Amino acid sequence: MLRIDNIYSLQFYDEDVILASPMTPIVAEFIGTFILIALGHAVNANVLLTGTKGNGSGWILISIGWGLAVFCAVAVAGPFSGAHINPAVTFGLAIAGLFSWSDVLPYVTAQILGAALGAFVIWLNFKDHFDKEENPSSKLGVFATAPQIRNFPINFFNELTGTFFLVFVLLYIAAPEVEGQRTEIVVGLGSIGALPVGFLVMIIGMGLGGTTGYAINPARDLGPRIMHAILPIQGKGSSDWSYSWIPILGPLSGAFVAYLVHMIIS
């Protein structure tokens, strides 16, 4: 029997053969989120920081870069954990009864730690440019999201809406269930399955991302914001904790609405 255990991974089941991997789902979530944040933040830094070759390249490059970062992260982590790489996805799957609540905290912890490490690595890579950059908002913008117009109710709705589209469409990217006599093998959708996810994040960023910077992922914002607060970044300014709840609760609410609508119509 071919069963979908999560959004990206497929499994064949037979009692005779079980192929195990040394990369556990928790490790895969950590590594996948690390890849996502490191590559995504590198794009942010290249566009925002003074003296980089990509300085001033604009929002289109950022949107494309984040879409490709998601593609890379999903391609690596997908076969092992389903590549949630996002607490909103993990939370939504658990609400829908498709993921064990006992695994939510380990997954989310791995995601936040992976995001924090990714942010740290990119700070080291671009440290000279962080030192040269005089605008504290640009420095924070590499790490965390911020709204163009500060209106918390609308900002919250922006994050809810972006995450709704992310999670709702992800549910239809997953392949259908197929019955048959097969050996149990874990088969990730791999690079083919990761590609539409990257395109999805790209189009969300190009449109809805223009208002708040489209966190659509609590780990993507919280882990790096913590690193911004604790790292010795020259002239960094505030970490803007008064806004930080929006890229956490907005995506979680969007995931909840997406799974609720999906369950109603499906």
Protein backbone atom coordinates (compact mmCIF):
# COMPACT_ATOMS: atom_id res chain seq x y z
CA MET A 1 0.00 0.00 0.00
CA LEU A 2 1.25 3.48 -0.85
CA ARG A 3 0.45 5.91 1.96
CA ILE A 4 1.00 9.63 2.31
CA ASP A 5 2.26 10.25 5.84
CA ASN A 6 2.85 13.94 5.26
CA ILE A 7 2.85 16.51 2.54
CA TYR A 8 5.97 15.50 0.64
CA SER A 9 6.84 11.87 1.41
CA LEU A 10 5.41 8.64 0.09
CA GLN A 11 5.89 5.19 1.62
CA PHE A 12 5.40 1.62 0.39
CA TYR A 13 4.52 -0.85 3.16
CA ASP A 14 5.33 -4.54 3.47
CA GLU A 15 6.13 -6.37 6.69
CA ASP A 16 9.17 -8.07 5.14
CA VAL A 17 11.38 -5.08 4.31
CA ILE A 18 11.97 -1.79 6.12
CA LEU A 19 14.69 0.50 4.87
CA ALA A 20 15.93 2.87 7.58
CA SER A 21 17.95 6.04 7.19
CA PRO A 22 20.51 7.45 9.63
CA MET A 23 18.88 10.85 9.09
CA THR A 24 15.97 10.89 11.51
CA PRO A 25 12.93 13.11 10.85
CA ILE A 26 14.04 15.52 13.58
CA VAL A 27 17.53 15.84 12.10
CA ALA A 28 15.98 16.30 8.65
CA GLU A 29 13.78 19.13 9.94
CA PHE A 30 16.81 20.80 11.51
CA ILE A 31 18.91 20.48 8.36
CA GLY A 32 16.06 21.41 6.02
CA THR A 33 15.21 24.57 7.96
CA PHE A 34 18.90 25.44 8.21
CA ILE A 35 19.19 25.22 4.41
CA LEU A 36 16.03 27.27 3.93
CA ILE A 37 17.13 30.10 6.21
CA ALA A 38 20.79 30.15 5.22
CA LEU A 39 20.03 30.42 1.50
CA GLY A 40 17.07 32.76 2.00
CA HIS A 41 18.95 35.07 4.34
CA ALA A 42 21.92 35.11 1.98
CA VAL A 43 19.60 36.56 -0.67
CA ASN A 44 18.29 39.13 1.83
CA ALA A 45 21.83 40.13 2.79
CA ASN A 46 22.97 40.36 -0.82
CA VAL A 47 20.11 42.72 -1.65
CA LEU A 48 19.94 44.81 1.53
CA LEU A 49 23.49 45.30 2.76
CA THR A 50 25.89 48.00 1.57
CA GLY A 51 28.73 46.96 -0.70
CA THR A 52 27.43 43.56 -1.84
CA LYS A 53 27.35 42.75 -5.54
CA GLY A 54 23.57 42.36 -5.40
CA ASN A 55 22.83 45.48 -3.34
CA GLY A 56 19.57 47.10 -4.43
CA SER A 57 18.52 44.23 -6.71
CA GLY A 58 14.99 44.43 -5.36
CA TRP A 59 12.01 42.38 -4.31
CA ILE A 60 11.84 40.17 -7.40
CA LEU A 61 15.27 38.72 -6.65
CA ILE A 62 14.28 38.17 -3.02
CA SER A 63 11.07 36.36 -4.01
CA ILE A 64 12.83 34.13 -6.53
CA GLY A 65 15.67 33.44 -4.11
CA TRP A 66 13.35 32.36 -1.30
CA GLY A 67 11.41 30.13 -3.68
CA LEU A 68 14.63 28.39 -4.71
CA ALA A 69 15.71 28.14 -1.05
CA VAL A 70 12.47 26.31 -0.28
CA PHE A 71 13.08 24.03 -3.28
CA CYS A 72 16.54 23.09 -1.95
CA ALA A 73 15.31 22.53 1.61
CA VAL A 74 12.35 20.36 0.57
CA ALA A 75 14.48 18.30 -1.83
CA VAL A 76 16.88 17.42 1.01
CA ALA A 77 14.49 16.94 3.94
CA GLY A 78 11.40 15.68 2.11
CA PRO A 79 12.26 11.98 1.92
CA PHE A 80 13.04 11.80 5.64
CA SER A 81 10.60 14.06 7.47
CA GLY A 82 8.16 15.35 4.89
CA ALA A 83 10.03 18.67 5.02
CA HIS A 84 7.56 20.60 7.08
CA ILE A 85 10.39 23.13 7.77
CA ASN A 86 7.64 25.37 9.11
CA PRO A 87 5.77 25.18 12.46
CA ALA A 88 2.60 26.35 10.70
CA VAL A 89 2.68 23.26 8.47
CA THR A 90 3.42 20.97 11.44
CA PHE A 91 0.67 22.56 13.52
CA GLY A 92 -1.85 22.38 10.69
CA LEU A 93 -1.13 18.72 9.97
CA ALA A 94 -1.61 17.91 13.64
CA ILE A 95 -4.94 19.75 13.71
CA ALA A 96 -6.06 17.81 10.65
CA GLY A 97 -5.16 14.52 12.36
CA LEU A 98 -2.42 13.80 9.82
CA PHE A 99 0.48 14.21 12.24
CA SER A 100 1.00 13.08 15.82
CA TRP A 101 0.72 15.81 18.45
CA SER A 102 3.54 14.14 20.37
CA ASP A 103 5.90 14.95 17.49
CA VAL A 104 4.90 18.61 17.17
CA LEU A 105 7.25 20.00 19.85
CA PRO A 106 10.36 18.08 18.62
CA TYR A 107 9.68 19.14 15.02
CA VAL A 108 9.11 22.80 15.92
CA THR A 109 12.16 22.88 18.18
CA ALA A 110 14.33 21.47 15.38
CA GLN A 111 12.90 24.03 12.95
CA ILE A 112 13.62 27.00 15.23
CA LEU A 113 17.15 25.79 16.02
CA GLY A 114 17.87 25.14 12.34
CA ALA A 115 16.62 28.63 11.47
CA ALA A 116 18.79 30.19 14.19
CA LEU A 117 21.88 28.38 12.93
CA GLY A 118 21.18 29.42 9.35
CA ALA A 119 20.91 33.06 10.43
CA PHE A 120 24.18 32.80 12.37
CA VAL A 121 26.08 31.33 9.42
CA ILE A 122 24.90 34.07 7.07
CA TRP A 123 25.82 36.76 9.59
CA LEU A 124 29.37 35.38 9.61
CA ASN A 125 29.46 35.28 5.81
CA PHE A 126 28.32 38.89 5.50
CA LYS A 127 29.90 40.29 8.69
CA ASP A 128 32.01 42.86 6.85
CA HIS A 129 28.90 44.13 5.08
CA PHE A 130 26.91 44.23 8.31
CA ASP A 131 29.70 46.35 9.80
CA LYS A 132 29.67 48.67 6.79
CA GLU A 133 25.86 49.00 6.65
CA GLU A 134 24.63 52.10 8.54
CA ASN A 135 20.87 51.46 8.42
CA PRO A 136 19.66 49.36 11.39
CA SER A 137 16.44 48.49 9.51
CA SER A 138 18.43 46.89 6.70
CA LYS A 139 20.37 44.82 9.22
CA LEU A 140 17.19 43.63 10.91
CA GLY A 141 15.63 43.03 7.47
CA VAL A 142 18.20 40.34 6.75
CA PHE A 143 17.09 38.43 9.85
CA ALA A 144 13.39 39.12 10.34
CA THR A 145 10.29 40.45 8.63
CA ALA A 146 8.71 43.87 9.11
CA PRO A 147 5.67 45.56 7.56
CA GLN A 148 5.94 48.36 5.05
CA ILE A 149 2.95 50.03 6.73
CA ARG A 150 2.67 49.30 10.44
CA ASN A 151 -0.97 48.35 11.03
CA PHE A 152 -1.05 45.29 13.26
CA PRO A 153 -4.58 44.02 12.40
CA ILE A 154 -3.88 44.26 8.66
CA ASN A 155 -0.34 42.92 9.09
CA PHE A 156 -1.77 39.92 10.95
CA PHE A 157 -4.30 39.33 8.18
CA ASN A 158 -1.51 39.57 5.57
CA GLU A 159 0.43 36.78 7.29
CA LEU A 160 -2.72 34.73 7.78
CA THR A 161 -3.64 35.06 4.10
CA GLY A 162 -0.18 34.22 2.77
CA THR A 163 0.06 31.12 4.96
CA PHE A 164 -3.47 30.08 4.02
CA PHE A 165 -2.46 29.93 0.35
CA LEU A 166 0.79 28.14 1.21
CA VAL A 167 -0.82 25.38 3.26
CA PHE A 168 -4.01 25.03 1.22
CA VAL A 169 -2.14 24.58 -2.06
CA LEU A 170 0.40 22.24 -0.43
CA LEU A 171 -2.42 19.86 0.40
CA TYR A 172 -3.20 19.53 -3.29
CA ILE A 173 0.43 19.20 -4.37
CA ALA A 174 0.61 15.89 -2.44
CA ALA A 175 0.06 12.85 -4.65
CA PRO A 176 -3.12 10.74 -4.27
CA GLU A 177 -3.20 7.46 -2.31
CA VAL A 178 -2.62 4.33 -4.38
CA GLU A 179 -3.21 0.71 -3.36
CA GLY A 180 -0.98 -2.18 -4.37
CA GLN A 181 1.35 -4.97 -3.22
CA ARG A 182 4.77 -3.40 -2.72
CA THR A 183 7.85 -3.58 -0.53
CA GLU A 184 8.13 -0.89 2.14
CA ILE A 185 10.48 1.77 0.86
CA VAL A 186 10.57 5.41 1.85
CA VAL A 187 10.40 7.38 -1.38
CA GLY A 188 10.65 11.15 -1.24
CA LEU A 189 9.11 13.21 -3.97
CA GLY A 190 12.58 14.69 -4.15
CA SER A 191 13.46 17.45 -6.59
CA ILE A 192 10.33 16.96 -8.72
CA GLY A 193 7.99 17.28 -5.75
CA ALA A 194 10.02 20.17 -4.32
CA LEU A 195 9.80 22.27 -7.47
CA PRO A 196 6.11 23.25 -7.27
CA VAL A 197 6.57 24.11 -3.59
CA GLY A 198 9.32 26.53 -4.57
CA PHE A 199 7.10 28.07 -7.24
CA LEU A 200 4.30 28.42 -4.70
CA VAL A 201 6.50 30.32 -2.24
CA MET A 202 7.80 32.45 -5.10
CA ILE A 203 4.35 33.61 -6.23
CA ILE A 204 3.24 34.28 -2.64
CA GLY A 205 6.33 36.43 -2.18
CA MET A 206 5.92 38.34 -5.44
CA GLY A 207 2.35 39.28 -4.51
CA LEU A 208 1.29 39.01 -0.90
CA GLY A 209 4.87 39.35 0.34
CA GLY A 210 4.99 43.02 -0.55
CA THR A 211 3.17 44.07 2.62
CA THR A 212 4.95 42.33 5.51
CA GLY A 213 7.84 40.49 3.88
CA TYR A 214 5.85 37.22 4.04
CA ALA A 215 7.24 35.27 6.96
CA ILE A 216 4.49 32.62 6.46
CA ASN A 217 6.67 30.54 8.78
CA PRO A 218 7.11 31.22 12.52
CA ALA A 219 10.54 29.55 12.63
CA ARG A 220 11.77 31.64 9.71
CA ASP A 221 11.16 34.80 11.76
CA LEU A 222 11.55 33.79 15.41
CA GLY A 223 14.85 31.88 15.25
CA PRO A 224 16.66 34.59 13.26
CA ARG A 225 15.10 37.40 15.33
CA ILE A 226 16.55 35.78 18.45
CA MET A 227 19.95 35.64 16.73
CA HIS A 228 19.66 39.32 15.79
CA ALA A 229 19.02 40.10 19.45
CA ILE A 230 21.98 38.15 20.85
CA LEU A 231 24.66 38.50 18.16
CA PRO A 232 27.21 41.35 18.48
CA ILE A 233 26.04 43.11 15.31
CA GLN A 234 27.53 46.56 15.07
CA GLY A 235 24.87 49.31 15.20
CA LYS A 236 22.03 46.83 14.89
CA GLY A 237 19.29 48.74 16.70
CA SER A 238 16.08 47.15 18.00
CA SER A 239 14.98 43.59 17.23
CA ASP A 240 11.38 44.91 17.10
CA TRP A 241 9.87 42.41 19.54
CA SER A 242 6.60 44.36 19.61
CA TYR A 243 5.92 43.08 16.08
CA SER A 244 7.31 39.56 16.55
CA TRP A 245 4.00 37.94 17.54
CA ILE A 246 2.47 38.63 14.12
CA PRO A 247 4.79 36.37 12.07
CA ILE A 248 4.12 33.65 14.67
CA LEU A 249 0.37 33.79 15.27
CA GLY A 250 -0.52 34.96 11.76
CA PRO A 251 0.96 31.89 10.03
CA LEU A 252 -0.41 29.51 12.67
CA SER A 253 -3.89 30.98 12.17
CA GLY A 254 -3.54 30.77 8.40
CA ALA A 255 -2.58 27.11 8.61
CA PHE A 256 -5.58 26.41 10.84
CA VAL A 257 -7.98 28.11 8.39
CA ALA A 258 -6.41 26.28 5.43
CA TYR A 259 -6.83 22.84 6.99
CA LEU A 260 -10.33 23.71 8.15
CA VAL A 261 -11.40 24.73 4.64
CA HIS A 262 -9.67 21.70 3.14
CA MET A 263 -11.46 19.31 5.50
CA ILE A 264 -14.82 20.92 4.75
CA ILE A 265 -14.55 20.79 0.96
CA SER A 266 -12.65 17.51 0.71
